[in-house]
Amino acid sequence: MRIAVGTLRHSKLEAVRGALRRLRGLPWPPGGNVELLPVSVPSWVPDMPMAEEEGLRGAANRARGALDATGASLALGLEGGVIVARRPEPVVILRNWAAAWDGSRLWFGSGPGIQLPEELSSAVLDGEELGLAIDRYAGEHDVRSGRGTLGVLTADLLDRRHAFEDAVLAALAPWYAPGCSSPL
């Protein structure tokens, strides 16, 4: 089976590979062999999605673009962003989404979320991309290509790759789990 992935980012591709390793014990995919086809496609959402709908739309757009670009059997789109909960004070929660698309069925999954501390929340709400803010916060360079903000904030008990891996497993459920309801 050929599976397109709408990204060239190493950490996201490793998440897809990790999800596929976890599925090895199931009779999926048919034939058991998977060829990943990474491709750079636009998300058509802001670089820092600021709402759940933007994250879902970005993931779906990447999945659709990857399928169109490759002619694969199935495509995945992965998108990170934040949800801003309007409480008396805004609460900014980091979240990751994945979408699976086969040309007729679309299904979404998400990874764990975490509230951002005030310094990061303020930066994001002021329009700074989280990738830049977390580098400054952690005193590191290119955090998002490795352990990600989730890794920094959880002392590496959770990390970016595993959050996307869980999102991918959830998005692929209709294809490997007979009990999952019919996709949209």
C-alpha atoms as a PDB file:
ATOM      1  CA  MET A   1       0.000   0.000   0.000  1.00  0.00           C
ATOM      2  CA  ARG A   2       1.269   3.458  -0.899  1.00  0.00           C
ATOM      3  CA  ILE A   3       0.603   6.094   1.770  1.00  0.00           C
ATOM      4  CA  ALA A   4       1.342   9.719   0.997  1.00  0.00           C
ATOM      5  CA  VAL A   5       2.275  12.070   3.827  1.00  0.00           C
ATOM      6  CA  GLY A   6       1.819  15.791   3.316  1.00  0.00           C
ATOM      7  CA  THR A   7       5.118  16.865   4.884  1.00  0.00           C
ATOM      8  CA  LEU A   8       8.876  16.567   4.596  1.00  0.00           C
ATOM      9  CA  ARG A   9       9.434  17.395   8.298  1.00  0.00           C
ATOM     10  CA  HIS A  10      11.475  14.615   9.921  1.00  0.00           C
ATOM     11  CA  SER A  11       9.623  14.534  13.264  1.00  0.00           C
ATOM     12  CA  LYS A  12       6.232  14.167  11.558  1.00  0.00           C
ATOM     13  CA  LEU A  13       7.491  11.418   9.246  1.00  0.00           C
ATOM     14  CA  GLU A  14       8.946   9.580  12.248  1.00  0.00           C
ATOM     15  CA  ALA A  15       5.535   9.843  13.909  1.00  0.00           C
ATOM     16  CA  VAL A  16       3.896   8.204  10.887  1.00  0.00           C
ATOM     17  CA  ARG A  17       6.539   5.456  10.872  1.00  0.00           C
ATOM     18  CA  GLY A  18       5.994   4.908  14.608  1.00  0.00           C
ATOM     19  CA  ALA A  19       2.231   4.635  14.124  1.00  0.00           C
ATOM     20  CA  LEU A  20       2.705   2.112  11.316  1.00  0.00           C
ATOM     21  CA  ARG A  21       5.069   0.053  13.509  1.00  0.00           C
ATOM     22  CA  ARG A  22       2.365  -0.076  16.183  1.00  0.00           C
ATOM     23  CA  LEU A  23      -0.111  -1.391  13.590  1.00  0.00           C
ATOM     24  CA  ARG A  24       2.125  -4.293  12.488  1.00  0.00           C
ATOM     25  CA  GLY A  25       0.248  -6.831  14.635  1.00  0.00           C
ATOM     26  CA  LEU A  26      -3.017  -6.132  12.819  1.00  0.00           C
ATOM     27  CA  PRO A  27      -4.069  -7.472   9.439  1.00  0.00           C
ATOM     28  CA  TRP A  28      -3.668  -3.964   8.038  1.00  0.00           C
ATOM     29  CA  PRO A  29      -2.674  -2.689   5.587  1.00  0.00           C
ATOM     30  CA  PRO A  30      -3.733  -5.336   3.085  1.00  0.00           C
ATOM     31  CA  GLY A  31      -0.608  -7.188   2.050  1.00  0.00           C
ATOM     32  CA  GLY A  32       1.301  -5.776   5.011  1.00  0.00           C
ATOM     33  CA  ASN A  33       3.732  -3.645   3.015  1.00  0.00           C
ATOM     34  CA  VAL A  34       3.698   0.149   3.150  1.00  0.00           C
ATOM     35  CA  GLU A  35       5.577   2.583   0.979  1.00  0.00           C
ATOM     36  CA  LEU A  36       5.604   6.112   2.415  1.00  0.00           C
ATOM     37  CA  LEU A  37       5.544   8.962  -0.061  1.00  0.00           C
ATOM     38  CA  PRO A  38       6.470  12.217   1.704  1.00  0.00           C
ATOM     39  CA  VAL A  39       5.574  15.323  -0.257  1.00  0.00           C
ATOM     40  CA  SER A  40       5.610  19.021   0.557  1.00  0.00           C
ATOM     41  CA  VAL A  41       2.106  20.445   0.226  1.00  0.00           C
ATOM     42  CA  PRO A  42       0.558  23.620   1.619  1.00  0.00           C
ATOM     43  CA  SER A  43      -1.838  23.567   4.547  1.00  0.00           C
ATOM     44  CA  TRP A  44      -3.690  26.678   3.372  1.00  0.00           C
ATOM     45  CA  VAL A  45      -3.999  27.799   7.006  1.00  0.00           C
ATOM     46  CA  PRO A  46      -1.774  30.203   8.971  1.00  0.00           C
ATOM     47  CA  ASP A  47       1.682  28.929   9.984  1.00  0.00           C
ATOM     48  CA  MET A  48       0.400  28.952  13.558  1.00  0.00           C
ATOM     49  CA  PRO A  49      -3.192  27.691  13.515  1.00  0.00           C
ATOM     50  CA  MET A  50      -5.010  29.436  16.369  1.00  0.00           C
ATOM     51  CA  ALA A  51      -8.216  27.394  16.535  1.00  0.00           C
ATOM     52  CA  GLU A  52      -9.250  23.774  16.355  1.00  0.00           C
ATOM     53  CA  GLU A  53     -11.021  24.358  13.032  1.00  0.00           C
ATOM     54  CA  GLU A  54      -7.813  25.788  11.503  1.00  0.00           C
ATOM     55  CA  GLY A  55      -5.807  22.768  12.699  1.00  0.00           C
ATOM     56  CA  LEU A  56      -8.347  20.313  11.320  1.00  0.00           C
ATOM     57  CA  ARG A  57      -8.570  22.202   8.024  1.00  0.00           C
ATOM     58  CA  GLY A  58      -4.759  22.314   7.725  1.00  0.00           C
ATOM     59  CA  ALA A  59      -4.451  18.567   8.330  1.00  0.00           C
ATOM     60  CA  ALA A  60      -7.228  17.802   5.819  1.00  0.00           C
ATOM     61  CA  ASN A  61      -5.713  20.138   3.215  1.00  0.00           C
ATOM     62  CA  ARG A  62      -2.317  18.466   3.593  1.00  0.00           C
ATOM     63  CA  ALA A  63      -3.867  14.993   3.252  1.00  0.00           C
ATOM     64  CA  ARG A  64      -5.848  15.985   0.160  1.00  0.00           C
ATOM     65  CA  GLY A  65      -2.830  17.704  -1.388  1.00  0.00           C
ATOM     66  CA  ALA A  66      -0.603  14.695  -0.729  1.00  0.00           C
ATOM     67  CA  LEU A  67      -3.083  12.293  -2.332  1.00  0.00           C
ATOM     68  CA  ASP A  68      -3.459  14.565  -5.371  1.00  0.00           C
ATOM     69  CA  ALA A  69       0.320  14.944  -5.730  1.00  0.00           C
ATOM     70  CA  THR A  70       1.165  11.238  -5.496  1.00  0.00           C
ATOM     71  CA  GLY A  71      -1.788   9.108  -6.557  1.00  0.00           C
ATOM     72  CA  ALA A  72      -1.275   6.991  -3.418  1.00  0.00           C
ATOM     73  CA  SER A  73      -3.990   4.745  -1.967  1.00  0.00           C
ATOM     74  CA  LEU A  74      -4.246   6.797   1.219  1.00  0.00           C
ATOM     75  CA  ALA A  75      -2.812  10.077   2.448  1.00  0.00           C
ATOM     76  CA  LEU A  76      -2.080  11.646   5.806  1.00  0.00           C
ATOM     77  CA  GLY A  77      -1.906  15.290   6.751  1.00  0.00           C
ATOM     78  CA  LEU A  78      -0.454  16.437  10.069  1.00  0.00           C
ATOM     79  CA  GLU A  79      -0.883  19.891  11.568  1.00  0.00           C
ATOM     80  CA  GLY A  80       0.118  21.440  14.875  1.00  0.00           C
ATOM     81  CA  GLY A  81      -1.438  24.507  16.388  1.00  0.00           C
ATOM     82  CA  VAL A  82      -3.190  25.885  19.412  1.00  0.00           C
ATOM     83  CA  ILE A  83      -6.699  26.180  20.757  1.00  0.00           C
ATOM     84  CA  VAL A  84      -7.496  29.414  22.547  1.00  0.00           C
ATOM     85  CA  ALA A  85     -10.141  28.902  25.215  1.00  0.00           C
ATOM     86  CA  ARG A  86     -11.823  32.185  26.070  1.00  0.00           C
ATOM     87  CA  ARG A  87     -12.183  32.164  29.826  1.00  0.00           C
ATOM     88  CA  PRO A  88     -11.823  35.235  32.015  1.00  0.00           C
ATOM     89  CA  GLU A  89      -8.186  35.037  30.859  1.00  0.00           C
ATOM     90  CA  PRO A  90      -7.331  33.193  27.611  1.00  0.00           C
ATOM     91  CA  VAL A  91      -6.022  29.654  28.046  1.00  0.00           C
ATOM     92  CA  VAL A  92      -3.806  28.551  25.157  1.00  0.00           C
ATOM     93  CA  ILE A  93      -3.544  24.803  24.613  1.00  0.00           C
ATOM     94  CA  LEU A  94      -1.052  23.211  22.229  1.00  0.00           C
ATOM     95  CA  ARG A  95      -2.626  20.495  20.066  1.00  0.00           C
ATOM     96  CA  ASN A  96      -1.706  18.236  17.125  1.00  0.00           C
ATOM     97  CA  TRP A  97      -4.081  16.908  14.488  1.00  0.00           C
ATOM     98  CA  ALA A  98      -3.909  14.287  11.764  1.00  0.00           C
ATOM     99  CA  ALA A  99      -6.258  13.612   8.865  1.00  0.00           C
ATOM    100  CA  ALA A 100      -6.462  10.466   6.737  1.00  0.00           C
ATOM    101  CA  TRP A 101      -7.971  10.704   3.242  1.00  0.00           C
ATOM    102  CA  ASP A 102      -8.436   8.056   0.562  1.00  0.00           C
ATOM    103  CA  GLY A 103     -10.299  10.179  -1.975  1.00  0.00           C
ATOM    104  CA  SER A 104     -13.719   9.433  -0.549  1.00  0.00           C
ATOM    105  CA  ARG A 105     -13.285   8.985   3.224  1.00  0.00           C
ATOM    106  CA  LEU A 106     -11.856  11.611   5.578  1.00  0.00           C
ATOM    107  CA  TRP A 107     -11.147  10.921   9.250  1.00  0.00           C
ATOM    108  CA  PHE A 108      -9.446  12.994  11.958  1.00  0.00           C
ATOM    109  CA  GLY A 109      -7.402  12.222  15.046  1.00  0.00           C
ATOM    110  CA  SER A 110      -5.578  14.334  17.606  1.00  0.00           C
ATOM    111  CA  GLY A 111      -2.785  13.907  20.082  1.00  0.00           C
ATOM    112  CA  PRO A 112      -2.620  15.065  23.684  1.00  0.00           C
ATOM    113  CA  GLY A 113      -2.844  18.755  24.461  1.00  0.00           C
ATOM    114  CA  ILE A 114      -1.119  20.886  27.051  1.00  0.00           C
ATOM    115  CA  GLN A 115      -1.719  24.380  28.360  1.00  0.00           C
ATOM    116  CA  LEU A 116       1.081  26.779  27.508  1.00  0.00           C
ATOM    117  CA  PRO A 117       2.700  28.765  30.320  1.00  0.00           C
ATOM    118  CA  GLU A 118       2.055  32.516  30.394  1.00  0.00           C
ATOM    119  CA  GLU A 119       5.295  33.470  28.619  1.00  0.00           C
ATOM    120  CA  LEU A 120       4.493  31.216  25.651  1.00  0.00           C
ATOM    121  CA  SER A 121       0.764  32.024  25.653  1.00  0.00           C
ATOM    122  CA  SER A 122       1.468  35.748  25.521  1.00  0.00           C
ATOM    123  CA  ALA A 123       3.959  35.339  22.679  1.00  0.00           C
ATOM    124  CA  VAL A 124       1.517  33.252  20.621  1.00  0.00           C
ATOM    125  CA  LEU A 125      -1.414  35.588  21.306  1.00  0.00           C
ATOM    126  CA  ASP A 126       0.816  38.504  20.219  1.00  0.00           C
ATOM    127  CA  GLY A 127       1.323  36.769  16.848  1.00  0.00           C
ATOM    128  CA  GLU A 128       4.686  35.062  17.340  1.00  0.00           C
ATOM    129  CA  GLU A 129       4.998  31.523  15.989  1.00  0.00           C
ATOM    130  CA  LEU A 130       5.315  28.980  18.795  1.00  0.00           C
ATOM    131  CA  GLY A 131       8.437  27.481  17.207  1.00  0.00           C
ATOM    132  CA  LEU A 132      10.338  30.734  17.758  1.00  0.00           C
ATOM    133  CA  ALA A 133       8.909  31.338  21.219  1.00  0.00           C
ATOM    134  CA  ILE A 134       9.761  27.828  22.483  1.00  0.00           C
ATOM    135  CA  ASP A 135      13.346  28.132  21.234  1.00  0.00           C
ATOM    136  CA  ARG A 136      13.771  31.274  23.332  1.00  0.00           C
ATOM    137  CA  TYR A 137      11.895  29.783  26.308  1.00  0.00           C
ATOM    138  CA  ALA A 138      13.984  26.583  26.306  1.00  0.00           C
ATOM    139  CA  GLY A 139      17.274  28.251  25.331  1.00  0.00           C
ATOM    140  CA  GLU A 140      17.554  25.766  22.452  1.00  0.00           C
ATOM    141  CA  HIS A 141      17.490  25.890  18.658  1.00  0.00           C
ATOM    142  CA  ASP A 142      14.803  24.290  16.453  1.00  0.00           C
ATOM    143  CA  VAL A 143      12.908  22.579  19.279  1.00  0.00           C
ATOM    144  CA  ARG A 144       9.994  21.793  16.946  1.00  0.00           C
ATOM    145  CA  SER A 145      12.125  19.499  14.791  1.00  0.00           C
ATOM    146  CA  GLY A 146      12.955  17.352  17.818  1.00  0.00           C
ATOM    147  CA  ARG A 147      11.149  16.910  21.100  1.00  0.00           C
ATOM    148  CA  GLY A 148       8.868  19.855  20.465  1.00  0.00           C
ATOM    149  CA  THR A 149       7.137  22.156  22.896  1.00  0.00           C
ATOM    150  CA  LEU A 150       5.396  19.161  24.454  1.00  0.00           C
ATOM    151  CA  GLY A 151       8.785  17.636  25.303  1.00  0.00           C
ATOM    152  CA  VAL A 152      10.066  20.857  26.849  1.00  0.00           C
ATOM    153  CA  LEU A 153       6.943  21.329  28.952  1.00  0.00           C
ATOM    154  CA  THR A 154       6.720  17.710  30.195  1.00  0.00           C
ATOM    155  CA  ALA A 155      10.428  17.036  30.889  1.00  0.00           C
ATOM    156  CA  ASP A 156      10.326  14.738  27.834  1.00  0.00           C
ATOM    157  CA  LEU A 157       7.674  12.394  29.267  1.00  0.00           C
ATOM    158  CA  LEU A 158       5.615  13.369  26.208  1.00  0.00           C
ATOM    159  CA  ASP A 159       7.077  14.672  22.961  1.00  0.00           C
ATOM    160  CA  ARG A 160       6.069  15.983  19.550  1.00  0.00           C
ATOM    161  CA  ARG A 161       6.657  12.731  17.688  1.00  0.00           C
ATOM    162  CA  HIS A 162       4.520  10.657  20.054  1.00  0.00           C
ATOM    163  CA  ALA A 163       1.726  13.245  20.052  1.00  0.00           C
ATOM    164  CA  PHE A 164       1.583  13.100  16.254  1.00  0.00           C
ATOM    165  CA  GLU A 165       1.901   9.297  16.363  1.00  0.00           C
ATOM    166  CA  ASP A 166      -1.235   9.075  18.518  1.00  0.00           C
ATOM    167  CA  ALA A 167      -3.046  11.495  16.199  1.00  0.00           C
ATOM    168  CA  VAL A 168      -2.125   9.358  13.164  1.00  0.00           C
ATOM    169  CA  LEU A 169      -3.330   6.166  14.856  1.00  0.00           C
ATOM    170  CA  ALA A 170      -6.638   7.836  15.661  1.00  0.00           C
ATOM    171  CA  ALA A 171      -7.033   9.186  12.111  1.00  0.00           C
ATOM    172  CA  LEU A 172      -6.332   5.778  10.568  1.00  0.00           C
ATOM    173  CA  ALA A 173      -8.828   3.929  12.793  1.00  0.00           C
ATOM    174  CA  PRO A 174     -11.564   3.450  10.156  1.00  0.00           C
ATOM    175  CA  TRP A 175      -9.095   1.626   7.935  1.00  0.00           C
ATOM    176  CA  TYR A 176      -7.772  -0.827  10.552  1.00  0.00           C
ATOM    177  CA  ALA A 177     -10.507  -1.079  13.221  1.00  0.00           C
ATOM    178  CA  PRO A 178     -13.773  -2.658  12.091  1.00  0.00           C
ATOM    179  CA  GLY A 179     -15.681  -1.120  15.028  1.00  0.00           C
ATOM    180  CA  CYS A 180     -14.911   2.482  14.056  1.00  0.00           C
ATOM    181  CA  SER A 181     -17.929   4.343  12.658  1.00  0.00           C
ATOM    182  CA  SER A 182     -18.197   5.263   9.005  1.00  0.00           C
ATOM    183  CA  PRO A 183     -15.939   8.139   7.926  1.00  0.00           C
ATOM    184  CA  LEU A 184     -17.399  11.427   6.680  1.00  0.00           C
END
